[in-house]
Amino acid sequence: MRTTTNLYLSSMALSDILIFAGLPFDLYRLWRYRPFVFGDFLCRFQFYLSETCTYATILHITTLSMERYLAICFPLRAKRLVTKQRVKLVIVALWLISLMTAGPIFFLFKVDQQECKHTDQAVHSGLLQTMIWVSTVYFFLPLTCLTLLYGLISRKLWKSRQEIQEPNARNRARYHRQTIKMLVLVVLAFALCWLPFHVGRILFSNAAWNGTDAKALYHTAQYFNLVSMVLFYLSASINPVLYNLMSGRYRCAVCRLLGIHRVPLGTGWSSRRSQTNTPINTEISTCV
């Protein structure tokens, strides 16, 4: 499992876990909107953290898709350029970019009249609306890029499908197709789960900017926010399910982690901790 692809997936898993750190605060605000008892810092930090993880997730998906594009369409160049060490540096850079880009969010919110909400200064200065449009661009621009990349990858795989004769080449092509299927599902799940979130943000931004003249727009945004909050956390929890459904290697790694092995002669599944020094390759083959 220690491949460049799985380095990206592991970093995305960290982002998903951090997203859930904000769940208790959102549940509390649904239960009791005021007073916000967690203090001004946590009010700011929960929005900053969720924004950072949002940016990090989409940047990871985009970068991983670019790496898959290189591996499939330009394999020799990818073998030279894409190394584990470079991927680790890229992942660090993606997190730093996310942390810096989301930085202004930390100063847009505070506890005011016992509510954790955006500040009046953020609205009047236009900074709130600017940051909302920045996050929207973070969503739609990468999705456009991903659509283009997967279109090119699909065309390449389709053309090479009839040309492959060697068994090793067929195995590589099968692995590439399986990886692409998994990533496409991840992208689709991400897009469907996050689209209402960004639509609600745009409506809320326009309502806040237009003041009392946009009361109906504001109420519509609130309904979008309720739906998008559920989908927001669903997006963070659905990825392991998709990996398990689409990736045999992922299932094998989970089996090894939990000590689950297939019992020979069709006797079903058993759960036990391995007490022998079974080679990794043999252990994986029993999980497929």
Protein backbone atom coordinates (compact mmCIF):
# COMPACT_ATOMS: atom_id res chain seq x y z
CA MET A 1 0.00 0.00 0.00
CA ARG A 2 3.03 2.32 0.19
CA THR A 3 2.61 3.78 -3.29
CA THR A 4 2.48 7.40 -4.37
CA THR A 5 -1.29 7.08 -4.88
CA ASN A 6 -1.76 5.85 -1.33
CA LEU A 7 0.37 8.67 0.04
CA TYR A 8 -2.18 11.08 -1.40
CA LEU A 9 -5.08 8.98 -0.13
CA SER A 10 -3.56 8.87 3.37
CA SER A 11 -3.23 12.64 3.41
CA MET A 12 -6.83 12.97 2.23
CA ALA A 13 -7.87 10.63 5.05
CA LEU A 14 -6.19 13.00 7.51
CA SER A 15 -8.20 15.85 6.00
CA ASP A 16 -11.42 13.84 6.43
CA ILE A 17 -10.62 13.15 10.08
CA LEU A 18 -9.91 16.83 10.75
CA ILE A 19 -13.22 17.79 9.13
CA PHE A 20 -15.02 15.70 11.76
CA ALA A 21 -13.36 17.79 14.47
CA GLY A 22 -15.92 20.50 13.67
CA LEU A 23 -18.94 18.19 13.94
CA PRO A 24 -19.55 18.69 17.70
CA PHE A 25 -19.68 22.48 17.23
CA ASP A 26 -22.16 22.23 14.35
CA LEU A 27 -24.36 19.82 16.30
CA TYR A 28 -24.28 22.14 19.29
CA ARG A 29 -25.30 25.12 17.17
CA LEU A 30 -28.23 23.12 15.77
CA TRP A 31 -29.30 22.23 19.28
CA ARG A 32 -28.69 25.65 20.84
CA TYR A 33 -27.69 28.44 18.50
CA ARG A 34 -26.96 30.81 21.34
CA PRO A 35 -25.10 31.24 23.58
CA PHE A 36 -21.94 29.89 21.91
CA VAL A 37 -20.08 28.72 25.01
CA PHE A 38 -16.79 27.57 23.46
CA GLY A 39 -15.16 30.97 23.21
CA ASP A 40 -14.01 33.29 20.46
CA PHE A 41 -10.95 31.26 19.43
CA LEU A 42 -12.87 28.02 18.79
CA CYS A 43 -15.53 30.01 16.94
CA ARG A 44 -12.87 31.24 14.52
CA PHE A 45 -10.82 28.06 14.44
CA GLN A 46 -13.64 25.68 13.49
CA PHE A 47 -14.39 27.70 10.35
CA TYR A 48 -10.69 28.02 9.55
CA LEU A 49 -10.08 24.29 9.98
CA SER A 50 -13.03 23.23 7.83
CA GLU A 51 -12.01 25.71 5.12
CA THR A 52 -8.42 24.46 5.18
CA CYS A 53 -9.53 20.84 4.89
CA THR A 54 -11.89 21.75 2.06
CA TYR A 55 -9.06 23.30 0.08
CA ALA A 56 -6.67 20.48 0.95
CA THR A 57 -9.08 17.79 -0.21
CA ILE A 58 -9.75 19.31 -3.62
CA LEU A 59 -6.05 20.07 -4.15
CA HIS A 60 -5.14 16.48 -3.28
CA ILE A 61 -7.76 15.05 -5.65
CA THR A 62 -6.59 17.33 -8.46
CA THR A 63 -2.89 16.60 -7.93
CA LEU A 64 -3.49 12.86 -7.64
CA SER A 65 -5.49 12.92 -10.88
CA MET A 66 -2.65 14.76 -12.62
CA GLU A 67 -0.22 12.13 -11.35
CA ARG A 68 -2.48 9.35 -12.70
CA TYR A 69 -2.68 11.17 -16.02
CA LEU A 70 1.12 11.21 -16.24
CA ALA A 71 1.39 7.55 -15.19
CA ILE A 72 -1.07 6.39 -17.86
CA CYS A 73 -0.39 8.75 -20.76
CA PHE A 74 3.35 9.34 -20.21
CA PRO A 75 4.57 6.34 -18.16
CA LEU A 76 8.30 6.82 -18.79
CA ARG A 77 8.22 10.47 -17.84
CA ALA A 78 6.08 9.70 -14.79
CA LYS A 79 8.52 7.04 -13.62
CA ARG A 80 11.29 9.63 -13.67
CA LEU A 81 9.35 12.54 -12.18
CA VAL A 82 6.98 10.93 -9.68
CA THR A 83 8.89 9.58 -6.69
CA LYS A 84 7.78 9.02 -3.12
CA GLN A 85 10.09 11.74 -1.84
CA ARG A 86 8.74 14.28 -4.31
CA VAL A 87 5.16 13.28 -3.58
CA LYS A 88 5.76 13.83 0.14
CA LEU A 89 7.08 17.32 -0.63
CA VAL A 90 4.08 18.01 -2.86
CA ILE A 91 1.69 16.93 -0.08
CA VAL A 92 3.41 19.28 2.38
CA ALA A 93 3.14 22.09 -0.19
CA LEU A 94 -0.57 21.38 -0.71
CA TRP A 95 -1.23 21.65 3.01
CA LEU A 96 0.77 24.87 3.28
CA ILE A 97 -1.15 26.39 0.35
CA SER A 98 -4.44 25.35 1.97
CA LEU A 99 -3.45 26.79 5.35
CA MET A 100 -2.40 30.11 3.84
CA THR A 101 -5.33 30.45 1.44
CA ALA A 102 -7.83 29.80 4.22
CA GLY A 103 -6.03 32.22 6.56
CA PRO A 104 -8.41 35.20 6.13
CA ILE A 105 -11.33 33.00 7.25
CA PHE A 106 -9.90 33.07 10.78
CA PHE A 107 -10.60 36.82 10.98
CA LEU A 108 -14.08 36.79 9.42
CA PHE A 109 -15.87 35.25 12.40
CA LYS A 110 -16.21 35.94 16.10
CA VAL A 111 -18.61 35.57 19.00
CA ASP A 112 -20.98 38.53 18.80
CA GLN A 113 -24.07 38.83 21.00
CA GLN A 114 -23.44 35.26 22.17
CA GLU A 115 -23.49 33.96 18.59
CA CYS A 116 -20.62 32.57 16.53
CA LYS A 117 -21.09 34.41 13.25
CA HIS A 118 -19.37 36.54 10.63
CA THR A 119 -18.40 40.04 11.69
CA ASP A 120 -20.12 43.17 10.37
CA GLN A 121 -16.74 44.49 9.26
CA ALA A 122 -16.21 41.39 7.11
CA VAL A 123 -19.54 42.03 5.37
CA HIS A 124 -19.13 45.77 4.83
CA SER A 125 -15.52 45.50 3.66
CA GLY A 126 -16.43 42.86 1.07
CA LEU A 127 -13.87 40.42 2.49
CA LEU A 128 -16.53 37.84 3.35
CA GLN A 129 -17.93 37.84 -0.16
CA THR A 130 -14.42 37.71 -1.63
CA MET A 131 -13.49 34.64 0.43
CA ILE A 132 -16.73 32.91 -0.50
CA TRP A 133 -16.00 33.43 -4.18
CA VAL A 134 -12.42 32.21 -3.63
CA SER A 135 -13.72 28.97 -2.13
CA THR A 136 -16.20 28.65 -4.99
CA VAL A 137 -13.39 29.00 -7.54
CA TYR A 138 -11.50 26.38 -5.52
CA PHE A 139 -14.43 24.06 -6.23
CA PHE A 140 -15.43 24.70 -9.85
CA LEU A 141 -12.00 25.29 -11.40
CA PRO A 142 -10.51 21.98 -10.17
CA LEU A 143 -13.68 20.14 -11.24
CA THR A 144 -13.24 21.52 -14.75
CA CYS A 145 -9.61 20.40 -14.69
CA LEU A 146 -10.60 16.94 -13.43
CA THR A 147 -13.21 16.54 -16.16
CA LEU A 148 -10.56 17.32 -18.78
CA LEU A 149 -7.98 14.99 -17.22
CA TYR A 150 -10.31 12.02 -16.94
CA GLY A 151 -11.52 12.60 -20.48
CA LEU A 152 -7.93 12.37 -21.73
CA ILE A 153 -7.22 9.34 -19.54
CA SER A 154 -10.35 7.54 -20.74
CA ARG A 155 -9.42 8.16 -24.37
CA LYS A 156 -5.90 6.81 -23.76
CA LEU A 157 -7.18 3.67 -22.00
CA TRP A 158 -9.77 3.06 -24.70
CA LYS A 159 -7.19 3.31 -27.50
CA SER A 160 -4.67 1.07 -25.75
CA ARG A 161 -7.25 -1.55 -24.81
CA GLN A 162 -7.15 -3.26 -28.20
CA GLU A 163 -3.38 -2.94 -28.58
CA ILE A 164 -2.32 -4.69 -25.37
CA GLN A 165 -1.07 -8.25 -25.89
CA GLU A 166 1.48 -8.99 -23.15
CA PRO A 167 0.14 -10.33 -19.82
CA ASN A 168 2.17 -7.82 -17.78
CA ALA A 169 0.85 -4.94 -19.85
CA ARG A 170 -2.71 -6.22 -19.43
CA ASN A 171 -2.22 -6.37 -15.66
CA ARG A 172 -0.92 -2.80 -15.59
CA ALA A 173 -3.83 -1.62 -17.70
CA ARG A 174 -6.29 -3.42 -15.41
CA TYR A 175 -4.70 -1.74 -12.38
CA HIS A 176 -4.88 1.67 -14.05
CA ARG A 177 -8.55 1.17 -14.95
CA GLN A 178 -9.38 0.11 -11.40
CA THR A 179 -7.58 3.14 -9.96
CA ILE A 180 -9.31 5.52 -12.37
CA LYS A 181 -12.74 4.04 -11.57
CA MET A 182 -12.10 4.59 -7.87
CA LEU A 183 -10.88 8.16 -8.37
CA VAL A 184 -13.79 9.06 -10.65
CA LEU A 185 -16.20 7.83 -7.96
CA VAL A 186 -14.36 9.89 -5.34
CA VAL A 187 -14.58 12.99 -7.56
CA LEU A 188 -18.29 12.44 -8.29
CA ALA A 189 -19.04 11.93 -4.60
CA PHE A 190 -17.06 15.05 -3.77
CA ALA A 191 -18.88 17.10 -6.43
CA LEU A 192 -22.37 15.93 -5.43
CA CYS A 193 -21.74 16.38 -1.71
CA TRP A 194 -20.14 19.82 -1.99
CA LEU A 195 -22.27 21.44 -4.70
CA PRO A 196 -25.16 22.37 -2.33
CA PHE A 197 -22.56 23.70 0.12
CA HIS A 198 -21.20 26.18 -2.41
CA VAL A 199 -24.64 27.11 -3.75
CA GLY A 200 -25.75 27.89 -0.20
CA ARG A 201 -22.61 29.96 0.35
CA ILE A 202 -23.25 32.03 -2.77
CA LEU A 203 -26.85 32.66 -1.73
CA PHE A 204 -25.76 33.56 1.80
CA SER A 205 -23.09 35.90 0.45
CA ASN A 206 -25.60 37.74 -1.73
CA ALA A 207 -28.08 37.94 1.14
CA ALA A 208 -25.48 39.32 3.54
CA TRP A 209 -24.25 41.81 0.93
CA ASN A 210 -27.71 43.09 -0.01
CA GLY A 211 -28.91 43.41 3.58
CA THR A 212 -32.63 43.53 4.37
CA ASP A 213 -33.62 43.54 0.69
CA ALA A 214 -32.62 39.91 0.39
CA LYS A 215 -34.53 38.34 3.29
CA ALA A 216 -36.07 35.60 1.11
CA LEU A 217 -32.64 34.82 -0.30
CA TYR A 218 -31.25 34.58 3.22
CA HIS A 219 -33.93 32.08 4.31
CA THR A 220 -33.32 30.01 1.17
CA ALA A 221 -29.63 29.95 2.02
CA GLN A 222 -30.43 28.62 5.49
CA TYR A 223 -32.23 25.60 4.02
CA PHE A 224 -29.29 24.99 1.70
CA ASN A 225 -26.97 25.19 4.70
CA LEU A 226 -28.87 22.47 6.57
CA VAL A 227 -28.69 20.10 3.61
CA SER A 228 -25.11 20.99 2.81
CA MET A 229 -23.96 20.41 6.39
CA VAL A 230 -25.16 16.80 6.21
CA LEU A 231 -23.53 16.31 2.80
CA PHE A 232 -20.38 18.07 4.04
CA TYR A 233 -19.77 15.39 6.67
CA LEU A 234 -21.04 12.63 4.38
CA SER A 235 -18.30 13.58 1.91
CA ALA A 236 -15.67 13.05 4.59
CA SER A 237 -17.06 9.66 5.62
CA ILE A 238 -17.91 8.11 2.25
CA ASN A 239 -14.37 7.87 0.86
CA PRO A 240 -13.33 4.76 2.86
CA VAL A 241 -16.52 3.05 1.65
CA LEU A 242 -15.66 3.85 -1.97
CA TYR A 243 -12.08 2.64 -1.52
CA ASN A 244 -13.34 -0.62 -0.03
CA LEU A 245 -15.83 -1.18 -2.84
CA MET A 246 -13.48 -0.36 -5.71
CA SER A 247 -9.99 -1.36 -4.57
CA GLY A 248 -8.96 -4.95 -3.89
CA ARG A 249 -5.62 -3.73 -2.53
CA TYR A 250 -7.41 -1.47 -0.07
CA ARG A 251 -9.57 -4.38 1.11
CA CYS A 252 -6.46 -6.51 1.55
CA ALA A 253 -4.73 -3.80 3.57
CA VAL A 254 -7.79 -3.50 5.82
CA CYS A 255 -7.84 -7.28 6.21
CA ARG A 256 -4.19 -7.28 7.23
CA LEU A 257 -4.76 -4.41 9.64
CA LEU A 258 -7.68 -6.19 11.32
CA GLY A 259 -6.06 -9.63 11.18
CA ILE A 260 -8.82 -11.05 8.96
CA HIS A 261 -7.89 -13.90 6.61
CA ARG A 262 -9.89 -16.07 4.26
CA VAL A 263 -10.03 -19.65 5.48
CA PRO A 264 -9.11 -22.26 2.82
CA LEU A 265 -11.56 -24.72 1.26
CA GLY A 266 -14.48 -22.32 1.23
CA THR A 267 -15.08 -22.35 4.99
CA GLY A 268 -15.73 -18.62 5.03
CA TRP A 269 -14.05 -15.81 6.90
CA SER A 270 -12.23 -15.93 10.20
CA SER A 271 -10.76 -13.17 12.30
CA ARG A 272 -7.47 -13.83 13.99
CA ARG A 273 -4.22 -12.06 14.64
CA SER A 274 -1.44 -13.46 12.53
CA GLN A 275 1.16 -15.16 14.72
CA THR A 276 3.47 -16.22 11.90
CA ASN A 277 5.92 -14.36 9.74
CA THR A 278 3.80 -14.79 6.61
CA PRO A 279 5.28 -12.93 3.63
CA ILE A 280 3.33 -9.86 2.64
CA ASN A 281 2.59 -11.11 -0.87
CA THR A 282 1.12 -14.36 0.45
CA GLU A 283 -0.95 -12.53 3.01
CA ILE A 284 -2.38 -10.20 0.39
CA SER A 285 -3.32 -13.06 -1.90
CA THR A 286 -5.50 -14.59 0.82
CA CYS A 287 -7.57 -11.44 1.10
CA VAL A 288 -8.54 -11.00 -2.54
